Amino acid sequence: MKVEYHQRYGKNATNYPHSTAHSITRFELAETAYFVRLHIKGQPPKEWLMRIEDFKAFKGNIKEMTEKLALPGEPTHFSLVEVPKGTSLHKSVAGPQYWKAVNKNRSGGAVQYEVLGYGSSPPKEWFKEVGEIIN
C-alpha cells in the first residue's frame, strides 16, 4: 500500500493516510451505500469518507473528529454521500499525520473509507451537503 501511496502522491510524501498498525481492506460494494464526508463549506468532493454510524458516535465533537480522522483543520460542514454498487473502497484506520501547512500533529485512530478509481475527486453527483456541524 505504501508503494501505491508514493506512486499517487510522490516518493517524498510522508503523511501516509493509513495506520501501519492496522490492516487495509479493499472491497467492492455489493449494493449502493451511504457515507458521510466532512469538509469546509464550498470545498470540492474528496475521496475520504466515514460511516454514518461513526459520524453519529462523535456527537458533533469537531475537535475529536479532527484528531481521530487526522484532518488538517476542523471541518465546518458534512455531506451525505451515495456511493453506487460496484464502487471499490479501502477500509482502514486513519494514521497519524503531521500537517506542515498548519503545524499540527493529529493522532488518527478512526475508521475511514477511501473511494478508489476516481483519484481524489469522486463524482460531485454523489454528494449532497446536509449542513453545518454543530459542536
C-alpha atoms as a PDB file:
ATOM      1  CA  MET A   1       0.000   0.000   0.000  1.00  0.00           C
ATOM      2  CA  LYS A   2       2.847   2.427   0.707  1.00  0.00           C
ATOM      3  CA  VAL A   3       4.126   1.851  -2.826  1.00  0.00           C
ATOM      4  CA  GLU A   4       0.685   2.743  -4.212  1.00  0.00           C
ATOM      5  CA  TYR A   5       0.607   5.845  -1.976  1.00  0.00           C
ATOM      6  CA  HIS A   6       4.038   7.001  -3.149  1.00  0.00           C
ATOM      7  CA  GLN A   7       3.046   6.426  -6.783  1.00  0.00           C
ATOM      8  CA  ARG A   8      -0.014   8.585  -6.230  1.00  0.00           C
ATOM      9  CA  TYR A   9       1.470  11.396  -4.105  1.00  0.00           C
ATOM     10  CA  GLY A  10       5.194  11.233  -4.930  1.00  0.00           C
ATOM     11  CA  LYS A  11       8.150   9.389  -3.449  1.00  0.00           C
ATOM     12  CA  ASN A  12       8.832  12.123  -0.877  1.00  0.00           C
ATOM     13  CA  ALA A  13       5.307  12.070   0.579  1.00  0.00           C
ATOM     14  CA  THR A  14       5.389  11.393   4.315  1.00  0.00           C
ATOM     15  CA  ASN A  15       1.794  11.599   5.548  1.00  0.00           C
ATOM     16  CA  TYR A  16       0.736   8.022   4.892  1.00  0.00           C
ATOM     17  CA  PRO A  17      -3.083   8.153   5.325  1.00  0.00           C
ATOM     18  CA  HIS A  18      -3.494   4.641   6.777  1.00  0.00           C
ATOM     19  CA  SER A  19      -2.334   3.384  10.152  1.00  0.00           C
ATOM     20  CA  THR A  20       0.568   0.986   9.640  1.00  0.00           C
ATOM     21  CA  ALA A  21      -0.543  -0.887  12.788  1.00  0.00           C
ATOM     22  CA  HIS A  22      -3.829  -1.980  11.180  1.00  0.00           C
ATOM     23  CA  SER A  23      -4.769  -3.801   8.012  1.00  0.00           C
ATOM     24  CA  ILE A  24      -6.308  -2.174   4.951  1.00  0.00           C
ATOM     25  CA  THR A  25      -9.276  -3.936   3.380  1.00  0.00           C
ATOM     26  CA  ARG A  26     -10.125  -3.417  -0.278  1.00  0.00           C
ATOM     27  CA  PHE A  27     -13.694  -4.301  -1.235  1.00  0.00           C
ATOM     28  CA  GLU A  28     -16.386  -3.637  -3.799  1.00  0.00           C
ATOM     29  CA  LEU A  29     -19.873  -2.507  -2.805  1.00  0.00           C
ATOM     30  CA  ALA A  30     -22.489  -5.182  -3.441  1.00  0.00           C
ATOM     31  CA  GLU A  31     -25.198  -2.510  -3.252  1.00  0.00           C
ATOM     32  CA  THR A  32     -25.470   1.266  -3.065  1.00  0.00           C
ATOM     33  CA  ALA A  33     -24.201   2.527   0.303  1.00  0.00           C
ATOM     34  CA  TYR A  34     -24.366   5.830   2.148  1.00  0.00           C
ATOM     35  CA  PHE A  35     -21.480   7.571   3.898  1.00  0.00           C
ATOM     36  CA  VAL A  36     -20.612  10.975   5.361  1.00  0.00           C
ATOM     37  CA  ARG A  37     -17.967  13.385   4.092  1.00  0.00           C
ATOM     38  CA  LEU A  38     -16.665  16.066   6.478  1.00  0.00           C
ATOM     39  CA  HIS A  39     -15.488  19.287   4.840  1.00  0.00           C
ATOM     40  CA  ILE A  40     -15.225  23.041   4.925  1.00  0.00           C
ATOM     41  CA  LYS A  41     -18.166  24.768   3.209  1.00  0.00           C
ATOM     42  CA  GLY A  42     -17.607  25.024  -0.522  1.00  0.00           C
ATOM     43  CA  GLN A  43     -14.757  22.501  -0.584  1.00  0.00           C
ATOM     44  CA  PRO A  44     -14.920  20.159  -3.599  1.00  0.00           C
ATOM     45  CA  PRO A  45     -15.833  16.495  -3.010  1.00  0.00           C
ATOM     46  CA  LYS A  46     -12.916  14.273  -1.974  1.00  0.00           C
ATOM     47  CA  GLU A  47     -12.351  10.522  -1.695  1.00  0.00           C
ATOM     48  CA  TRP A  48     -12.207  10.154   2.113  1.00  0.00           C
ATOM     49  CA  LEU A  49     -15.479   9.155   3.835  1.00  0.00           C
ATOM     50  CA  MET A  50     -16.796   7.758   7.095  1.00  0.00           C
ATOM     51  CA  ARG A  51     -19.783   5.609   8.027  1.00  0.00           C
ATOM     52  CA  ILE A  52     -22.922   7.420   9.139  1.00  0.00           C
ATOM     53  CA  GLU A  53     -22.880   5.423  12.403  1.00  0.00           C
ATOM     54  CA  ASP A  54     -19.325   6.557  13.156  1.00  0.00           C
ATOM     55  CA  PHE A  55     -20.266  10.181  12.445  1.00  0.00           C
ATOM     56  CA  LYS A  56     -23.194   9.910  14.887  1.00  0.00           C
ATOM     57  CA  ALA A  57     -20.910   8.412  17.554  1.00  0.00           C
ATOM     58  CA  PHE A  58     -18.805  11.609  17.595  1.00  0.00           C
ATOM     59  CA  LYS A  59     -21.961  13.517  18.696  1.00  0.00           C
ATOM     60  CA  GLY A  60     -20.831  16.672  16.899  1.00  0.00           C
ATOM     61  CA  ASN A  61     -17.479  16.850  18.718  1.00  0.00           C
ATOM     62  CA  ILE A  62     -15.487  18.629  15.978  1.00  0.00           C
ATOM     63  CA  LYS A  63     -12.183  18.546  17.864  1.00  0.00           C
ATOM     64  CA  GLU A  64     -12.406  14.778  18.383  1.00  0.00           C
ATOM     65  CA  MET A  65     -13.368  14.150  14.726  1.00  0.00           C
ATOM     66  CA  THR A  66     -10.449  16.299  13.549  1.00  0.00           C
ATOM     67  CA  GLU A  67      -8.000  14.429  15.811  1.00  0.00           C
ATOM     68  CA  LYS A  68      -9.244  10.874  15.184  1.00  0.00           C
ATOM     69  CA  LEU A  69      -9.549  11.303  11.406  1.00  0.00           C
ATOM     70  CA  ALA A  70      -6.182  13.139  11.342  1.00  0.00           C
ATOM     71  CA  LEU A  71      -7.623  16.085   9.404  1.00  0.00           C
ATOM     72  CA  PRO A  72      -5.501  19.185   8.736  1.00  0.00           C
ATOM     73  CA  GLY A  73      -8.214  21.524  10.039  1.00  0.00           C
ATOM     74  CA  GLU A  74     -11.633  21.445  11.657  1.00  0.00           C
ATOM     75  CA  PRO A  75     -14.500  20.660   9.281  1.00  0.00           C
ATOM     76  CA  THR A  76     -17.478  23.005   9.332  1.00  0.00           C
ATOM     77  CA  HIS A  77     -19.993  21.027   7.238  1.00  0.00           C
ATOM     78  CA  PHE A  78     -20.951  17.495   6.314  1.00  0.00           C
ATOM     79  CA  SER A  79     -22.411  15.871   3.230  1.00  0.00           C
ATOM     80  CA  LEU A  80     -24.324  12.667   2.653  1.00  0.00           C
ATOM     81  CA  VAL A  81     -22.555  10.590   0.012  1.00  0.00           C
ATOM     82  CA  GLU A  82     -24.398   7.996  -2.097  1.00  0.00           C
ATOM     83  CA  VAL A  83     -21.762   5.556  -3.363  1.00  0.00           C
ATOM     84  CA  PRO A  84     -23.080   3.262  -6.116  1.00  0.00           C
ATOM     85  CA  LYS A  85     -22.968  -0.504  -6.276  1.00  0.00           C
ATOM     86  CA  GLY A  86     -19.730  -1.808  -7.792  1.00  0.00           C
ATOM     87  CA  THR A  87     -17.537   1.003  -6.424  1.00  0.00           C
ATOM     88  CA  SER A  88     -14.232  -0.129  -4.918  1.00  0.00           C
ATOM     89  CA  LEU A  89     -13.206   1.207  -1.497  1.00  0.00           C
ATOM     90  CA  HIS A  90     -10.421   0.868   1.031  1.00  0.00           C
ATOM     91  CA  LYS A  91     -11.420   0.497   4.676  1.00  0.00           C
ATOM     92  CA  SER A  92      -8.641   1.430   7.068  1.00  0.00           C
ATOM     93  CA  VAL A  93      -7.763   3.215  10.277  1.00  0.00           C
ATOM     94  CA  ALA A  94      -6.550   6.790   9.891  1.00  0.00           C
ATOM     95  CA  GLY A  95      -2.833   7.023  10.501  1.00  0.00           C
ATOM     96  CA  PRO A  96      -1.123   9.773  12.485  1.00  0.00           C
ATOM     97  CA  GLN A  97      -0.435  12.890  10.449  1.00  0.00           C
ATOM     98  CA  TYR A  98       1.736  15.959  10.671  1.00  0.00           C
ATOM     99  CA  TRP A  99       0.279  18.828   8.661  1.00  0.00           C
ATOM    100  CA  LYS A 100       3.169  21.195   7.968  1.00  0.00           C
ATOM    101  CA  ALA A 101       0.981  23.944   6.466  1.00  0.00           C
ATOM    102  CA  VAL A 102      -0.910  24.335   9.757  1.00  0.00           C
ATOM    103  CA  ASN A 103       1.848  22.978  12.051  1.00  0.00           C
ATOM    104  CA  LYS A 104      -0.474  20.366  13.586  1.00  0.00           C
ATOM    105  CA  ASN A 105       0.031  16.745  14.615  1.00  0.00           C
ATOM    106  CA  ARG A 106      -3.060  14.532  14.570  1.00  0.00           C
ATOM    107  CA  SER A 107      -3.185  11.077  16.152  1.00  0.00           C
ATOM    108  CA  GLY A 108      -5.675   9.329  13.838  1.00  0.00           C
ATOM    109  CA  GLY A 109      -7.344   6.131  15.013  1.00  0.00           C
ATOM    110  CA  ALA A 110     -10.829   6.358  13.474  1.00  0.00           C
ATOM    111  CA  VAL A 111     -12.093   4.035  10.754  1.00  0.00           C
ATOM    112  CA  GLN A 112     -12.118   5.693   7.336  1.00  0.00           C
ATOM    113  CA  TYR A 113     -13.121   4.752   3.795  1.00  0.00           C
ATOM    114  CA  GLU A 114     -11.332   5.785   0.625  1.00  0.00           C
ATOM    115  CA  VAL A 115     -13.164   5.757  -2.726  1.00  0.00           C
ATOM    116  CA  LEU A 116     -10.911   4.163  -5.358  1.00  0.00           C
ATOM    117  CA  GLY A 117     -10.751   4.697  -9.094  1.00  0.00           C
ATOM    118  CA  TYR A 118     -11.528   8.418  -9.223  1.00  0.00           C
ATOM    119  CA  GLY A 119      -8.302   9.981  -7.973  1.00  0.00           C
ATOM    120  CA  SER A 120      -9.088  12.495  -5.251  1.00  0.00           C
ATOM    121  CA  SER A 121     -12.372  13.640  -6.844  1.00  0.00           C
ATOM    122  CA  PRO A 122     -15.309  11.212  -6.945  1.00  0.00           C
ATOM    123  CA  PRO A 123     -18.331  12.402  -8.989  1.00  0.00           C
ATOM    124  CA  LYS A 124     -19.966  15.509  -7.498  1.00  0.00           C
ATOM    125  CA  GLU A 125     -23.407  13.964  -8.055  1.00  0.00           C
ATOM    126  CA  TRP A 126     -22.717  11.530  -5.195  1.00  0.00           C
ATOM    127  CA  PHE A 127     -22.506  14.357  -2.623  1.00  0.00           C
ATOM    128  CA  LYS A 128     -25.385  16.257  -1.031  1.00  0.00           C
ATOM    129  CA  GLU A 129     -24.427  18.842   1.548  1.00  0.00           C
ATOM    130  CA  VAL A 130     -26.576  18.292   4.627  1.00  0.00           C
ATOM    131  CA  GLY A 131     -25.487  21.161   6.813  1.00  0.00           C
ATOM    132  CA  GLU A 132     -23.213  22.693   9.370  1.00  0.00           C
ATOM    133  CA  ILE A 133     -21.592  20.623  12.111  1.00  0.00           C
ATOM    134  CA  ILE A 134     -22.869  21.980  15.415  1.00  0.00           C
ATOM    135  CA  ASN A 135     -20.484  21.335  18.297  1.00  0.00           C
END
